[in-house]
Amino acid sequence: MPSLFRLFGSGDRRRPTSRSRAYPQPAQGARRYERPEVGRADYQRTDFQRPERRRPEPQREVNWRRRGMVALSSLGMVAVFAGGVWLFRSDTLRVHVIDVGGVQVADPQAVAKASGAAGASMLTLNLDAAGREVAKLPAVKAAKVTRVWPRGVRIEVTEHQAWGYWQAGPQRLVIDETGRVLEQSRPPGSDAPTIVEVASQNTDGKSVAADADTVQLVNRLRTDGTFDRLNVKPTSYIFRRDRGLTVIVASGPAAVLGDSSNYEFKVRTWQALLDQVRAGTVPAVQAQAQPSGTPRTGQSAAMASEIDLRFGRNVVLR
C-alpha cells in the first residue's frame, strides 16, 4: 500500500514534529504576490472647511429676586411722582395764612395782596420775588418773606422813616436821609430839620426835587457833633441852586458851605474863624441881609454876618 506521504508530497519530507504540526514551515521561501497594475486611479485630496460647531450656550438661571426688586423700585418711583403731583395740585400745601409784621403806615391787606402768596404752593413759592413786589408799595422800604409750614407765610416789612422836610415855596416835601421824596412813611421826629430852597423858579411843586448832597450834608452836621464842637445852635438851613447850603446859627455868623466837598477843612476853618470873631480879632463888617432876603435881627456891626467857605483857603467874610 502506497505511503500517504507519497500521495500528498515528496518522500524526503521530514516527519513533522510537535512544533511543526501547529505551524508548518514551507520548504522554500515565501513568494510575494504583487498585483499587476492594470489601471490606477489617482485621487486628489481637496481641502474643505468643516462647518464650525457651536457649543450650545448654557441656559442662564432667571434671577427672580432681582427682577422683583427692580419692579418694586419702579413702582416706588411712580408712587412718589404721583404723590408729588397730587401734593402740588391739591390744597394740602398751599398758602392759607399770611402774617404781616412791622407795619404802622402800610395797609396789611395791601401788603398781603402785593406779595401774591395767597393760594400759592408752598413748594414753588418764590420768596425773593414776593418780597420785591411788596417793596414796591409807597410806604415799604424793604420786605422779607419766609415760609411757615405747613400752610403759612410771614412777611416782615421795613417801612420808610421820614428824616425831615424840603420846602420850596408852598410845597413841603417829606424826605428821608438820602434826599428821597417819600409819598408814605413814618413821620419824622419832633426836631426834624427843614431845608428851605429859595429863588426857586417853580412854585407849583410839580418839578421840585430835593438836592441829595445837601440833605446828606445837613444830616452829617447834625449827627457827627459838629454843632456841639462849634458851640452853635442852627436855626435854619437855606439852599440856593447857585451857592448851595447856608447854615444860619442863633449867635454868630452864618456859614456858606456850598456842598459836601472838603468837609473836614470847612469845619476846621469855620471853627477857627468863630474863635476869632468871638475874640474880636476880625475887622468890623456891616450888617447884611440873610440869603432869604430878610435882615437878621440883633445883628451887630462889629460882627461878621457870613463866612463863605466854598473857595478853599480863600475864605470870604461878609
C-alpha atoms as a PDB file:
ATOM      1  CA  MET A   1       0.000   0.000   0.000  1.00  0.00           C
ATOM      2  CA  PRO A   2       1.479   3.190  -1.068  1.00  0.00           C
ATOM      3  CA  SER A   3       2.516   5.583   1.646  1.00  0.00           C
ATOM      4  CA  LEU A   4       0.376   8.552   2.327  1.00  0.00           C
ATOM      5  CA  PHE A   5       3.405  10.812   2.235  1.00  0.00           C
ATOM      6  CA  ARG A   6       3.947   9.834  -1.345  1.00  0.00           C
ATOM      7  CA  LEU A   7       0.475  10.623  -2.401  1.00  0.00           C
ATOM      8  CA  PHE A   8       0.494  14.107  -0.973  1.00  0.00           C
ATOM      9  CA  GLY A   9       4.152  15.097  -1.195  1.00  0.00           C
ATOM     10  CA  SER A  10       7.712  14.005  -1.751  1.00  0.00           C
ATOM     11  CA  GLY A  11       9.139  11.151   0.131  1.00  0.00           C
ATOM     12  CA  ASP A  12      12.010  13.113   1.651  1.00  0.00           C
ATOM     13  CA  ARG A  13       9.756  15.346   3.672  1.00  0.00           C
ATOM     14  CA  ARG A  14      10.632  15.191   7.268  1.00  0.00           C
ATOM     15  CA  ARG A  15       8.367  13.841   9.814  1.00  0.00           C
ATOM     16  CA  PRO A  16       6.534  16.648  11.398  1.00  0.00           C
ATOM     17  CA  THR A  17       7.404  17.438  14.921  1.00  0.00           C
ATOM     18  CA  SER A  18       5.202  18.690  17.642  1.00  0.00           C
ATOM     19  CA  ARG A  19       6.222  22.212  16.806  1.00  0.00           C
ATOM     20  CA  SER A  20       5.787  21.949  13.074  1.00  0.00           C
ATOM     21  CA  ARG A  21       2.458  20.378  13.378  1.00  0.00           C
ATOM     22  CA  ALA A  22       0.873  23.610  14.504  1.00  0.00           C
ATOM     23  CA  TYR A  23       2.832  25.841  12.189  1.00  0.00           C
ATOM     24  CA  PRO A  24       4.134  24.063   9.118  1.00  0.00           C
ATOM     25  CA  GLN A  25       7.150  25.684   7.566  1.00  0.00           C
ATOM     26  CA  PRO A  26       7.383  25.856   3.778  1.00  0.00           C
ATOM     27  CA  ALA A  27      10.370  24.218   2.208  1.00  0.00           C
ATOM     28  CA  GLN A  28      11.068  27.205   0.007  1.00  0.00           C
ATOM     29  CA  GLY A  29      10.996  30.861   0.757  1.00  0.00           C
ATOM     30  CA  ALA A  30       7.697  32.602   0.500  1.00  0.00           C
ATOM     31  CA  ARG A  31       6.935  34.400  -2.692  1.00  0.00           C
ATOM     32  CA  ARG A  32       5.486  37.892  -2.637  1.00  0.00           C
ATOM     33  CA  TYR A  33       2.456  38.353  -4.719  1.00  0.00           C
ATOM     34  CA  GLU A  34       2.187  41.648  -6.457  1.00  0.00           C
ATOM     35  CA  ARG A  35      -0.962  42.661  -8.155  1.00  0.00           C
ATOM     36  CA  PRO A  36      -0.402  43.777 -11.705  1.00  0.00           C
ATOM     37  CA  GLU A  37      -1.178  47.384 -12.302  1.00  0.00           C
ATOM     38  CA  VAL A  38      -3.930  47.223 -14.751  1.00  0.00           C
ATOM     39  CA  GLY A  39      -5.139  50.698 -14.161  1.00  0.00           C
ATOM     40  CA  ARG A  40      -4.540  53.132 -11.351  1.00  0.00           C
ATOM     41  CA  ALA A  41      -6.815  55.993 -10.457  1.00  0.00           C
ATOM     42  CA  ASP A  42      -5.248  58.991  -8.814  1.00  0.00           C
ATOM     43  CA  TYR A  43      -7.416  60.520  -6.213  1.00  0.00           C
ATOM     44  CA  GLN A  44      -6.598  64.179  -5.436  1.00  0.00           C
ATOM     45  CA  ARG A  45      -7.337  65.236  -1.928  1.00  0.00           C
ATOM     46  CA  THR A  46      -9.181  68.537  -1.738  1.00  0.00           C
ATOM     47  CA  ASP A  47      -9.152  70.775   1.340  1.00  0.00           C
ATOM     48  CA  PHE A  48     -12.529  71.816   2.636  1.00  0.00           C
ATOM     49  CA  GLN A  49     -13.722  73.556   5.749  1.00  0.00           C
ATOM     50  CA  ARG A  50     -15.708  71.696   8.127  1.00  0.00           C
ATOM     51  CA  PRO A  51     -18.737  73.527   9.464  1.00  0.00           C
ATOM     52  CA  GLU A  52     -17.973  75.135  12.772  1.00  0.00           C
ATOM     53  CA  ARG A  53     -19.731  73.504  15.537  1.00  0.00           C
ATOM     54  CA  ARG A  54     -21.106  75.944  18.066  1.00  0.00           C
ATOM     55  CA  ARG A  55     -21.432  74.885  21.536  1.00  0.00           C
ATOM     56  CA  PRO A  56     -24.877  75.409  22.825  1.00  0.00           C
ATOM     57  CA  GLU A  57     -24.978  78.297  25.267  1.00  0.00           C
ATOM     58  CA  PRO A  58     -25.821  77.293  28.745  1.00  0.00           C
ATOM     59  CA  GLN A  59     -29.180  78.442  29.854  1.00  0.00           C
ATOM     60  CA  ARG A  60     -28.910  81.137  32.473  1.00  0.00           C
ATOM     61  CA  GLU A  61     -30.935  80.905  35.558  1.00  0.00           C
ATOM     62  CA  VAL A  62     -33.560  83.668  35.893  1.00  0.00           C
ATOM     63  CA  ASN A  63     -32.901  85.885  38.929  1.00  0.00           C
ATOM     64  CA  TRP A  64     -36.460  86.422  40.059  1.00  0.00           C
ATOM     65  CA  ARG A  65     -35.364  88.227  43.189  1.00  0.00           C
ATOM     66  CA  ARG A  66     -33.509  90.868  41.228  1.00  0.00           C
ATOM     67  CA  ARG A  67     -36.416  91.309  38.868  1.00  0.00           C
ATOM     68  CA  GLY A  68     -38.712  91.717  41.802  1.00  0.00           C
ATOM     69  CA  MET A  69     -36.514  94.404  43.346  1.00  0.00           C
ATOM     70  CA  VAL A  70     -36.400  96.324  40.058  1.00  0.00           C
ATOM     71  CA  ALA A  71     -40.157  96.116  39.742  1.00  0.00           C
ATOM     72  CA  LEU A  72     -40.664  97.318  43.309  1.00  0.00           C
ATOM     73  CA  SER A  73     -38.248 100.236  42.766  1.00  0.00           C
ATOM     74  CA  SER A  74     -40.090 101.258  39.618  1.00  0.00           C
ATOM     75  CA  LEU A  75     -43.403 101.118  41.411  1.00  0.00           C
ATOM     76  CA  GLY A  76     -41.947 103.214  44.243  1.00  0.00           C
ATOM     77  CA  MET A  77     -40.735 105.889  41.853  1.00  0.00           C
ATOM     78  CA  VAL A  78     -44.094 106.019  40.141  1.00  0.00           C
ATOM     79  CA  ALA A  79     -45.812 106.305  43.520  1.00  0.00           C
ATOM     80  CA  VAL A  80     -43.512 109.142  44.611  1.00  0.00           C
ATOM     81  CA  PHE A  81     -44.079 111.006  41.367  1.00  0.00           C
ATOM     82  CA  ALA A  82     -47.824 110.574  41.589  1.00  0.00           C
ATOM     83  CA  GLY A  83     -47.772 111.722  45.208  1.00  0.00           C
ATOM     84  CA  GLY A  84     -45.767 114.823  44.296  1.00  0.00           C
ATOM     85  CA  VAL A  85     -48.229 115.707  41.548  1.00  0.00           C
ATOM     86  CA  TRP A  86     -51.089 115.217  43.945  1.00  0.00           C
ATOM     87  CA  LEU A  87     -49.469 117.430  46.602  1.00  0.00           C
ATOM     88  CA  PHE A  88     -48.707 120.107  44.026  1.00  0.00           C
ATOM     89  CA  ARG A  89     -52.258 120.248  42.709  1.00  0.00           C
ATOM     90  CA  SER A  90     -54.101 119.761  45.975  1.00  0.00           C
ATOM     91  CA  ASP A  91     -54.761 122.321  48.704  1.00  0.00           C
ATOM     92  CA  THR A  92     -52.744 120.433  51.295  1.00  0.00           C
ATOM     93  CA  LEU A  93     -49.561 122.503  50.847  1.00  0.00           C
ATOM     94  CA  ARG A  94     -50.970 125.830  49.707  1.00  0.00           C
ATOM     95  CA  VAL A  95     -50.724 129.168  51.493  1.00  0.00           C
ATOM     96  CA  HIS A  96     -53.812 129.820  53.583  1.00  0.00           C
ATOM     97  CA  VAL A  97     -52.403 132.111  56.298  1.00  0.00           C
ATOM     98  CA  ILE A  98     -50.373 135.311  55.689  1.00  0.00           C
ATOM     99  CA  ASP A  99     -48.907 137.050  58.736  1.00  0.00           C
ATOM    100  CA  VAL A 100     -47.747 140.650  58.181  1.00  0.00           C
ATOM    101  CA  GLY A 101     -45.491 142.343  60.717  1.00  0.00           C
ATOM    102  CA  GLY A 102     -43.688 145.663  61.133  1.00  0.00           C
ATOM    103  CA  VAL A 103     -46.401 147.849  59.603  1.00  0.00           C
ATOM    104  CA  GLN A 104     -47.543 151.187  61.010  1.00  0.00           C
ATOM    105  CA  VAL A 105     -48.415 153.132  57.885  1.00  0.00           C
ATOM    106  CA  ALA A 106     -48.822 150.479  55.199  1.00  0.00           C
ATOM    107  CA  ASP A 107     -52.060 148.526  54.874  1.00  0.00           C
ATOM    108  CA  PRO A 108     -51.533 144.857  55.880  1.00  0.00           C
ATOM    109  CA  GLN A 109     -54.107 143.673  53.370  1.00  0.00           C
ATOM    110  CA  ALA A 110     -52.345 145.598  50.600  1.00  0.00           C
ATOM    111  CA  VAL A 111     -49.065 144.013  51.661  1.00  0.00           C
ATOM    112  CA  ALA A 112     -50.556 140.504  51.566  1.00  0.00           C
ATOM    113  CA  LYS A 113     -52.118 141.121  48.168  1.00  0.00           C
ATOM    114  CA  ALA A 114     -48.941 142.569  46.700  1.00  0.00           C
ATOM    115  CA  SER A 115     -46.945 139.505  47.724  1.00  0.00           C
ATOM    116  CA  GLY A 116     -49.133 137.221  45.610  1.00  0.00           C
ATOM    117  CA  ALA A 117     -48.689 134.429  48.149  1.00  0.00           C
ATOM    118  CA  ALA A 118     -52.369 133.724  48.784  1.00  0.00           C
ATOM    119  CA  GLY A 119     -53.224 130.303  47.350  1.00  0.00           C
ATOM    120  CA  ALA A 120     -49.706 129.705  46.053  1.00  0.00           C
ATOM    121  CA  SER A 121     -47.946 126.378  46.528  1.00  0.00           C
ATOM    122  CA  MET A 122     -45.617 126.194  49.499  1.00  0.00           C
ATOM    123  CA  LEU A 123     -43.200 124.182  47.382  1.00  0.00           C
ATOM    124  CA  THR A 124     -42.856 126.604  44.468  1.00  0.00           C
ATOM    125  CA  LEU A 125     -43.418 129.999  46.102  1.00  0.00           C
ATOM    126  CA  ASN A 126     -40.644 132.454  45.113  1.00  0.00           C
ATOM    127  CA  LEU A 127     -39.879 134.296  48.347  1.00  0.00           C
ATOM    128  CA  ASP A 128     -37.487 136.845  46.835  1.00  0.00           C
ATOM    129  CA  ALA A 129     -39.921 137.831  44.094  1.00  0.00           C
ATOM    130  CA  ALA A 130     -42.714 138.219  46.650  1.00  0.00           C
ATOM    131  CA  GLY A 131     -40.504 140.498  48.772  1.00  0.00           C
ATOM    132  CA  ARG A 132     -39.653 142.670  45.771  1.00  0.00           C
ATOM    133  CA  GLU A 133     -43.322 143.086  44.917  1.00  0.00           C
ATOM    134  CA  VAL A 134     -44.129 144.162  48.472  1.00  0.00           C
ATOM    135  CA  ALA A 135     -41.232 146.664  48.431  1.00  0.00           C
ATOM    136  CA  LYS A 136     -42.901 148.461  45.520  1.00  0.00           C
ATOM    137  CA  LEU A 137     -45.594 149.813  47.832  1.00  0.00           C
ATOM    138  CA  PRO A 138     -45.133 153.526  48.636  1.00  0.00           C
ATOM    139  CA  ALA A 139     -44.710 153.101  52.390  1.00  0.00           C
ATOM    140  CA  VAL A 140     -42.482 149.997  52.233  1.00  0.00           C
ATOM    141  CA  LYS A 141     -38.704 150.258  52.088  1.00  0.00           C
ATOM    142  CA  ALA A 142     -37.959 146.530  52.173  1.00  0.00           C
ATOM    143  CA  ALA A 143     -39.747 143.253  52.893  1.00  0.00           C
ATOM    144  CA  LYS A 144     -38.652 139.742  53.829  1.00  0.00           C
ATOM    145  CA  VAL A 145     -40.912 136.761  53.150  1.00  0.00           C
ATOM    146  CA  THR A 146     -40.450 133.392  54.885  1.00  0.00           C
ATOM    147  CA  ARG A 147     -42.400 130.123  54.888  1.00  0.00           C
ATOM    148  CA  VAL A 148     -44.268 128.962  57.967  1.00  0.00           C
ATOM    149  CA  TRP A 149     -45.039 125.281  57.450  1.00  0.00           C
ATOM    150  CA  PRO A 150     -47.343 123.715  56.651  1.00  0.00           C
ATOM    151  CA  ARG A 151     -49.603 126.396  55.155  1.00  0.00           C
ATOM    152  CA  GLY A 152     -48.414 129.846  56.263  1.00  0.00           C
ATOM    153  CA  VAL A 153     -46.230 132.777  55.179  1.00  0.00           C
ATOM    154  CA  ARG A 154     -44.616 135.507  57.284  1.00  0.00           C
ATOM    155  CA  ILE A 155     -43.974 138.951  55.743  1.00  0.00           C
ATOM    156  CA  GLU A 156     -41.716 141.250  57.765  1.00  0.00           C
ATOM    157  CA  VAL A 157     -41.968 144.828  56.492  1.00  0.00           C
ATOM    158  CA  THR A 158     -39.487 147.688  56.909  1.00  0.00           C
ATOM    159  CA  GLU A 159     -41.263 150.994  56.309  1.00  0.00           C
ATOM    160  CA  HIS A 160     -39.774 154.268  55.170  1.00  0.00           C
ATOM    161  CA  GLN A 161     -38.766 156.552  58.018  1.00  0.00           C
ATOM    162  CA  ALA A 162     -39.027 160.265  57.299  1.00  0.00           C
ATOM    163  CA  TRP A 163     -35.936 162.319  58.174  1.00  0.00           C
ATOM    164  CA  GLY A 164     -37.065 165.880  57.559  1.00  0.00           C
ATOM    165  CA  TYR A 165     -38.660 168.279  55.098  1.00  0.00           C
ATOM    166  CA  TRP A 166     -37.717 170.026  51.902  1.00  0.00           C
ATOM    167  CA  GLN A 167     -39.684 173.200  51.334  1.00  0.00           C
ATOM    168  CA  ALA A 168     -39.783 175.067  48.041  1.00  0.00           C
ATOM    169  CA  GLY A 169     -42.361 177.846  48.041  1.00  0.00           C
ATOM    170  CA  PRO A 170     -45.705 176.477  49.172  1.00  0.00           C
ATOM    171  CA  GLN A 171     -44.633 172.867  48.587  1.00  0.00           C
ATOM    172  CA  ARG A 172     -43.423 170.973  51.621  1.00  0.00           C
ATOM    173  CA  LEU A 173     -41.993 167.557  50.843  1.00  0.00           C
ATOM    174  CA  VAL A 174     -41.227 164.737  53.242  1.00  0.00           C
ATOM    175  CA  ILE A 175     -37.765 163.294  52.621  1.00  0.00           C
ATOM    176  CA  ASP A 176     -35.525 160.594  54.080  1.00  0.00           C
ATOM    177  CA  GLU A 177     -31.842 160.908  54.998  1.00  0.00           C
ATOM    178  CA  THR A 178     -30.783 160.353  51.384  1.00  0.00           C
ATOM    179  CA  GLY A 179     -32.984 163.105  49.953  1.00  0.00           C
ATOM    180  CA  ARG A 180     -35.623 160.792  48.523  1.00  0.00           C
ATOM    181  CA  VAL A 181     -39.117 162.229  48.468  1.00  0.00           C
ATOM    182  CA  LEU A 182     -41.497 159.930  50.318  1.00  0.00           C
ATOM    183  CA  GLU A 183     -45.147 159.522  49.418  1.00  0.00           C
ATOM    184  CA  GLN A 184     -45.967 157.493  52.524  1.00  0.00           C
ATOM    185  CA  SER A 185     -43.728 156.952  55.521  1.00  0.00           C
ATOM    186  CA  ARG A 186     -43.497 157.079  59.245  1.00  0.00           C
ATOM    187  CA  PRO A 187     -43.495 160.689  60.430  1.00  0.00           C
ATOM    188  CA  PRO A 188     -40.179 162.427  61.233  1.00  0.00           C
ATOM    189  CA  GLY A 189     -39.146 163.320  64.752  1.00  0.00           C
ATOM    190  CA  SER A 190     -40.177 166.477  66.563  1.00  0.00           C
ATOM    191  CA  ASP A 191     -36.764 168.069  65.914  1.00  0.00           C
ATOM    192  CA  ALA A 192     -36.710 167.164  62.218  1.00  0.00           C
ATOM    193  CA  PRO A 193     -34.866 169.769  60.105  1.00  0.00           C
ATOM    194  CA  THR A 194     -36.415 171.735  57.281  1.00  0.00           C
ATOM    195  CA  ILE A 195     -34.276 172.751  54.318  1.00  0.00           C
ATOM    196  CA  VAL A 196     -35.701 175.802  52.583  1.00  0.00           C
ATOM    197  CA  GLU A 197     -34.992 176.246  48.905  1.00  0.00           C
ATOM    198  CA  VAL A 198     -35.103 179.927  47.893  1.00  0.00           C
ATOM    199  CA  ALA A 199     -35.247 181.542  44.468  1.00  0.00           C
ATOM    200  CA  SER A 200     -36.993 178.513  43.075  1.00  0.00           C
ATOM    201  CA  GLN A 201     -38.386 179.014  39.602  1.00  0.00           C
ATOM    202  CA  ASN A 202     -41.192 176.510  40.104  1.00  0.00           C
ATOM    203  CA  THR A 203     -43.585 177.250  42.939  1.00  0.00           C
ATOM    204  CA  ASP A 204     -46.271 174.722  41.987  1.00  0.00           C
ATOM    205  CA  GLY A 205     -44.208 171.845  43.343  1.00  0.00           C
ATOM    206  CA  LYS A 206     -44.502 169.678  40.207  1.00  0.00           C
ATOM    207  CA  SER A 207     -40.798 169.759  39.355  1.00  0.00           C
ATOM    208  CA  VAL A 208     -39.396 170.355  42.835  1.00  0.00           C
ATOM    209  CA  ALA A 209     -36.755 167.819  43.865  1.00  0.00           C
ATOM    210  CA  ALA A 210     -34.586 167.713  46.942  1.00  0.00           C
ATOM    211  CA  ASP A 211     -30.833 168.012  46.471  1.00  0.00           C
ATOM    212  CA  ALA A 212     -29.388 164.739  47.757  1.00  0.00           C
ATOM    213  CA  ASP A 213     -25.922 166.132  48.518  1.00  0.00           C
ATOM    214  CA  THR A 214     -27.364 168.956  50.596  1.00  0.00           C
ATOM    215  CA  VAL A 215     -29.597 166.608  52.568  1.00  0.00           C
ATOM    216  CA  GLN A 216     -26.669 164.304  53.339  1.00  0.00           C
ATOM    217  CA  LEU A 217     -24.504 167.309  54.328  1.00  0.00           C
ATOM    218  CA  VAL A 218     -27.101 168.540  56.825  1.00  0.00           C
ATOM    219  CA  ASN A 219     -27.518 165.041  58.211  1.00  0.00           C
ATOM    220  CA  ARG A 220     -23.759 164.756  58.737  1.00  0.00           C
ATOM    221  CA  LEU A 221     -23.578 168.113  60.511  1.00  0.00           C
ATOM    222  CA  ARG A 222     -26.351 167.045  62.857  1.00  0.00           C
ATOM    223  CA  THR A 223     -25.036 163.580  63.656  1.00  0.00           C
ATOM    224  CA  ASP A 224     -21.234 163.926  63.976  1.00  0.00           C
ATOM    225  CA  GLY A 225     -21.296 166.512  66.782  1.00  0.00           C
ATOM    226  CA  THR A 226     -20.094 169.485  64.693  1.00  0.00           C
ATOM    227  CA  PHE A 227     -22.567 171.938  66.186  1.00  0.00           C
ATOM    228  CA  ASP A 228     -21.589 170.908  69.710  1.00  0.00           C
ATOM    229  CA  ARG A 229     -17.893 171.435  68.986  1.00  0.00           C
ATOM    230  CA  LEU A 230     -18.568 174.840  67.429  1.00  0.00           C
ATOM    231  CA  ASN A 231     -20.924 175.765  70.273  1.00  0.00           C
ATOM    232  CA  VAL A 232     -23.571 176.992  67.854  1.00  0.00           C
ATOM    233  CA  LYS A 233     -27.254 176.280  67.503  1.00  0.00           C
ATOM    234  CA  PRO A 234     -28.564 176.109  63.934  1.00  0.00           C
ATOM    235  CA  THR A 235     -31.857 177.860  63.354  1.00  0.00           C
ATOM    236  CA  SER A 236     -32.424 177.217  59.652  1.00  0.00           C
ATOM    237  CA  TYR A 237     -30.896 175.673  56.555  1.00  0.00           C
ATOM    238  CA  ILE A 238     -31.061 177.675  53.344  1.00  0.00           C
ATOM    239  CA  PHE A 239     -30.402 176.208  49.915  1.00  0.00           C
ATOM    240  CA  ARG A 240     -29.880 178.013  46.630  1.00  0.00           C
ATOM    241  CA  ARG A 241     -29.048 176.373  43.343  1.00  0.00           C
ATOM    242  CA  ASP A 242     -26.245 178.850  42.649  1.00  0.00           C
ATOM    243  CA  ARG A 243     -24.470 178.715  46.032  1.00  0.00           C
ATOM    244  CA  GLY A 244     -25.539 175.564  47.818  1.00  0.00           C
ATOM    245  CA  LEU A 245     -26.169 175.267  51.564  1.00  0.00           C
ATOM    246  CA  THR A 246     -26.053 178.076  54.080  1.00  0.00           C
ATOM    247  CA  VAL A 247     -26.377 177.288  57.791  1.00  0.00           C
ATOM    248  CA  ILE A 248     -27.952 180.049  59.899  1.00  0.00           C
ATOM    249  CA  VAL A 249     -26.998 179.916  63.592  1.00  0.00           C
ATOM    250  CA  ALA A 250     -28.544 181.630  66.593  1.00  0.00           C
ATOM    251  CA  SER A 251     -25.457 183.634  67.640  1.00  0.00           C
ATOM    252  CA  GLY A 252     -22.633 184.208  65.232  1.00  0.00           C
ATOM    253  CA  PRO A 253     -22.128 184.492  61.509  1.00  0.00           C
ATOM    254  CA  ALA A 254     -23.828 182.160  59.070  1.00  0.00           C
ATOM    255  CA  ALA A 255     -21.694 179.620  57.215  1.00  0.00           C
ATOM    256  CA  VAL A 256     -21.932 179.126  53.461  1.00  0.00           C
ATOM    257  CA  LEU A 257     -20.754 175.544  52.978  1.00  0.00           C
ATOM    258  CA  GLY A 258     -21.930 175.032  49.411  1.00  0.00           C
ATOM    259  CA  ASP A 259     -21.640 171.260  49.060  1.00  0.00           C
ATOM    260  CA  SER A 260     -20.104 168.376  50.980  1.00  0.00           C
ATOM    261  CA  SER A 261     -16.661 168.554  49.351  1.00  0.00           C
ATOM    262  CA  ASN A 262     -13.673 169.285  51.668  1.00  0.00           C
ATOM    263  CA  TYR A 263     -15.949 168.761  54.623  1.00  0.00           C
ATOM    264  CA  GLU A 264     -13.253 168.449  57.298  1.00  0.00           C
ATOM    265  CA  PHE A 265     -11.368 171.516  56.078  1.00  0.00           C
ATOM    266  CA  LYS A 266     -14.520 173.626  56.029  1.00  0.00           C
ATOM    267  CA  VAL A 267     -15.454 172.629  59.573  1.00  0.00           C
ATOM    268  CA  ARG A 268     -11.959 173.400  60.918  1.00  0.00           C
ATOM    269  CA  THR A 269     -11.886 176.767  59.150  1.00  0.00           C
ATOM    270  CA  TRP A 270     -15.358 177.600  60.420  1.00  0.00           C
ATOM    271  CA  GLN A 271     -14.302 176.827  63.981  1.00  0.00           C
ATOM    272  CA  ALA A 272     -11.106 178.934  63.732  1.00  0.00           C
ATOM    273  CA  LEU A 273     -12.996 181.942  62.359  1.00  0.00           C
ATOM    274  CA  LEU A 274     -15.675 181.648  65.013  1.00  0.00           C
ATOM    275  CA  ASP A 275     -12.964 181.796  67.665  1.00  0.00           C
ATOM    276  CA  GLN A 276     -11.543 184.967  66.052  1.00  0.00           C
ATOM    277  CA  VAL A 277     -14.979 186.564  65.751  1.00  0.00           C
ATOM    278  CA  ARG A 278     -15.737 185.859  69.380  1.00  0.00           C
ATOM    279  CA  ALA A 279     -12.355 187.229  70.383  1.00  0.00           C
ATOM    280  CA  GLY A 280     -12.942 190.399  68.330  1.00  0.00           C
ATOM    281  CA  THR A 281      -9.841 189.971  66.153  1.00  0.00           C
ATOM    282  CA  VAL A 282     -11.636 190.195  62.799  1.00  0.00           C
ATOM    283  CA  PRO A 283     -12.432 193.513  61.060  1.00  0.00           C
ATOM    284  CA  ALA A 284     -15.848 195.005  61.576  1.00  0.00           C
ATOM    285  CA  VAL A 285     -18.432 194.124  58.993  1.00  0.00           C
ATOM    286  CA  GLN A 286     -21.683 195.927  58.341  1.00  0.00           C
ATOM    287  CA  ALA A 287     -24.886 194.048  58.900  1.00  0.00           C
ATOM    288  CA  GLN A 288     -26.247 192.367  55.773  1.00  0.00           C
ATOM    289  CA  ALA A 289     -29.425 190.672  54.847  1.00  0.00           C
ATOM    290  CA  GLN A 290     -29.909 186.962  55.066  1.00  0.00           C
ATOM    291  CA  PRO A 291     -29.829 184.888  51.874  1.00  0.00           C
ATOM    292  CA  SER A 292     -33.593 184.623  52.142  1.00  0.00           C
ATOM    293  CA  GLY A 293     -33.888 188.412  51.845  1.00  0.00           C
ATOM    294  CA  THR A 294     -34.921 189.240  55.411  1.00  0.00           C
ATOM    295  CA  PRO A 295     -32.443 191.137  57.694  1.00  0.00           C
ATOM    296  CA  ARG A 296     -31.102 189.311  60.710  1.00  0.00           C
ATOM    297  CA  THR A 297     -32.425 190.671  63.987  1.00  0.00           C
ATOM    298  CA  GLY A 298     -29.920 191.768  66.626  1.00  0.00           C
ATOM    299  CA  GLN A 299     -27.024 191.850  64.126  1.00  0.00           C
ATOM    300  CA  SER A 300     -24.026 193.757  65.416  1.00  0.00           C
ATOM    301  CA  ALA A 301     -21.951 195.898  63.047  1.00  0.00           C
ATOM    302  CA  ALA A 302     -18.790 194.676  64.701  1.00  0.00           C
ATOM    303  CA  MET A 303     -19.520 191.040  63.907  1.00  0.00           C
ATOM    304  CA  ALA A 304     -19.164 189.283  60.573  1.00  0.00           C
ATOM    305  CA  SER A 305     -22.540 188.194  59.301  1.00  0.00           C
ATOM    306  CA  GLU A 306     -21.451 185.447  56.965  1.00  0.00           C
ATOM    307  CA  ILE A 307     -18.474 183.178  56.403  1.00  0.00           C
ATOM    308  CA  ASP A 308     -18.163 181.852  52.876  1.00  0.00           C
ATOM    309  CA  LEU A 309     -16.236 178.549  52.896  1.00  0.00           C
ATOM    310  CA  ARG A 310     -16.826 177.485  49.301  1.00  0.00           C
ATOM    311  CA  PHE A 311     -13.461 178.539  47.869  1.00  0.00           C
ATOM    312  CA  GLY A 312     -10.971 176.542  49.902  1.00  0.00           C
ATOM    313  CA  ARG A 313      -8.308 178.721  51.546  1.00  0.00           C
ATOM    314  CA  ASN A 314      -9.841 181.854  50.061  1.00  0.00           C
ATOM    315  CA  VAL A 315     -12.302 182.388  52.889  1.00  0.00           C
ATOM    316  CA  VAL A 316     -14.647 185.335  52.495  1.00  0.00           C
ATOM    317  CA  LEU A 317     -16.171 187.251  55.402  1.00  0.00           C
ATOM    318  CA  ARG A 318     -19.233 189.359  54.821  1.00  0.00           C
END
